[in-house]
């Protein structure tokens, strides 16, 4: 059931971005955290970093083989990420936008090298 709901949500990038505004409810959950919540260990943090690096490289490989329209969508999505009118831009969000654009640039370089 969740997969179908997620698929419907991510078909429309504007709906997906509306979840980005509150990180899918993460802020609400963060406010309700207690000291009893488990903390991530150093080993888990290292594994998480390794997985993120692996995922970035997989996405880079897939994006480098994608049509120009996909690159345009990545850049358009990056432009859509902005704070609400009464909020200021969060540094991590700004960094995410930059990272998305750099990712598209890297994929384009790989595409030209692999052809």
Protein backbone atom coordinates (compact mmCIF):
# COMPACT_ATOMS: atom_id res chain seq x y z
CA UNK A 1 0.00 0.00 0.00
CA UNK A 2 2.79 2.44 0.85
CA UNK A 3 4.62 1.78 -2.43
CA UNK A 4 1.52 2.65 -4.45
CA UNK A 5 0.95 5.82 -2.42
CA UNK A 6 4.62 6.84 -2.82
CA UNK A 7 4.50 6.14 -6.56
CA UNK A 8 1.46 8.41 -6.92
CA UNK A 9 3.12 11.12 -4.84
CA UNK A 10 6.38 11.16 -6.80
CA UNK A 11 4.69 11.15 -10.19
CA UNK A 12 3.95 14.83 -9.55
CA UNK A 13 7.16 16.72 -8.63
CA UNK A 14 5.19 19.56 -7.01
CA UNK A 15 3.58 17.14 -4.56
CA UNK A 16 6.97 15.60 -3.88
CA UNK A 17 8.40 19.04 -3.15
CA UNK A 18 5.60 19.80 -0.74
CA UNK A 19 6.90 16.90 1.33
CA UNK A 20 10.41 18.38 1.05
CA UNK A 21 9.21 21.51 2.89
CA UNK A 22 8.78 19.56 6.09
CA UNK A 23 10.97 16.59 5.14
CA UNK A 24 7.99 14.28 5.07
CA UNK A 25 7.05 15.24 8.62
CA UNK A 26 10.56 14.90 10.02
CA UNK A 27 10.38 18.23 11.83
CA UNK A 28 7.26 17.17 13.69
CA UNK A 29 8.87 13.88 14.63
CA UNK A 30 12.03 15.69 15.70
CA UNK A 31 10.07 17.86 18.11
CA UNK A 32 8.54 14.76 19.69
CA UNK A 33 11.82 12.90 20.20
CA UNK A 34 12.68 11.77 23.67
CA UNK A 35 15.96 10.85 25.29
CA UNK A 36 14.86 7.21 25.06
CA UNK A 37 15.23 7.26 21.27
CA UNK A 38 18.19 5.20 20.10
CA UNK A 39 21.23 7.14 18.92
CA UNK A 40 23.17 6.21 15.83
CA UNK A 41 26.50 4.60 16.60
CA UNK A 42 29.75 5.49 14.88
CA UNK A 43 29.71 2.17 13.01
CA UNK A 44 26.16 2.86 11.79
CA UNK A 45 27.18 6.36 10.72
CA UNK A 46 30.12 4.97 8.74
CA UNK A 47 27.83 2.43 7.05
CA UNK A 48 25.37 5.19 6.21
CA UNK A 49 28.12 7.26 4.61
CA UNK A 50 29.31 4.27 2.58
CA UNK A 51 25.77 3.64 1.35
CA UNK A 52 25.25 7.28 0.40
CA UNK A 53 28.49 7.26 -1.60
CA UNK A 54 27.41 4.05 -3.34
CA UNK A 55 23.97 5.47 -4.12
CA UNK A 56 25.47 8.69 -5.47
CA UNK A 57 27.68 6.71 -7.83
CA UNK A 58 24.77 4.55 -8.98
CA UNK A 59 22.64 7.63 -9.65
CA UNK A 60 25.56 9.28 -11.45
CA UNK A 61 25.95 6.24 -13.72
CA UNK A 62 22.22 6.16 -14.46
CA UNK A 63 22.02 9.90 -15.03
CA UNK A 64 25.01 9.82 -17.37
CA UNK A 65 23.07 7.42 -19.62
CA UNK A 66 19.81 9.39 -19.47
CA UNK A 67 18.47 11.73 -22.16
CA UNK A 68 18.95 15.50 -22.02
CA UNK A 69 15.35 15.90 -20.88
CA UNK A 70 16.18 14.10 -17.62
CA UNK A 71 19.06 16.49 -16.94
CA UNK A 72 16.72 19.40 -17.58
CA UNK A 73 14.25 17.95 -15.06
CA UNK A 74 16.97 17.63 -12.41
CA UNK A 75 17.93 21.27 -12.88
CA UNK A 76 14.28 22.39 -12.94
CA UNK A 77 13.62 20.49 -9.72
CA UNK A 78 16.64 22.15 -8.11
CA UNK A 79 15.23 25.58 -9.07
CA UNK A 80 11.90 24.72 -7.44
CA UNK A 81 13.47 24.10 -4.05
CA UNK A 82 12.96 27.28 -2.10
CA UNK A 83 11.73 28.29 1.34
CA UNK A 84 8.22 29.46 2.11
CA UNK A 85 7.63 33.20 1.82
CA UNK A 86 8.07 33.86 5.54
CA UNK A 87 11.10 31.58 5.95
CA UNK A 88 14.78 31.95 5.16
CA UNK A 89 16.78 29.54 3.08
CA UNK A 90 18.36 26.81 5.20
CA UNK A 91 22.07 26.21 4.47
CA UNK A 92 21.51 22.47 3.98
CA UNK A 93 18.78 23.13 1.43
CA UNK A 94 21.05 25.56 -0.42
CA UNK A 95 23.77 22.93 -0.43
CA UNK A 96 21.32 20.31 -1.72
CA UNK A 97 20.40 22.55 -4.67
CA UNK A 98 24.09 23.09 -5.48
CA UNK A 99 24.73 19.37 -5.16
CA UNK A 100 21.91 18.54 -7.59
CA UNK A 101 23.32 20.93 -10.19
CA UNK A 102 26.87 19.64 -9.72
CA UNK A 103 25.55 16.11 -10.06
CA UNK A 104 23.92 16.97 -13.40
CA UNK A 105 27.20 18.59 -14.53
CA UNK A 106 29.23 15.51 -13.55
CA UNK A 107 26.80 13.21 -15.35
CA UNK A 108 27.09 15.33 -18.50
CA UNK A 109 30.90 15.08 -18.35
CA UNK A 110 30.74 11.30 -17.95
CA UNK A 111 28.27 11.07 -20.80
CA UNK A 112 30.66 12.88 -23.18
CA UNK A 113 33.61 10.72 -22.04
CA UNK A 114 31.76 7.40 -22.42
CA UNK A 115 30.46 8.06 -25.93
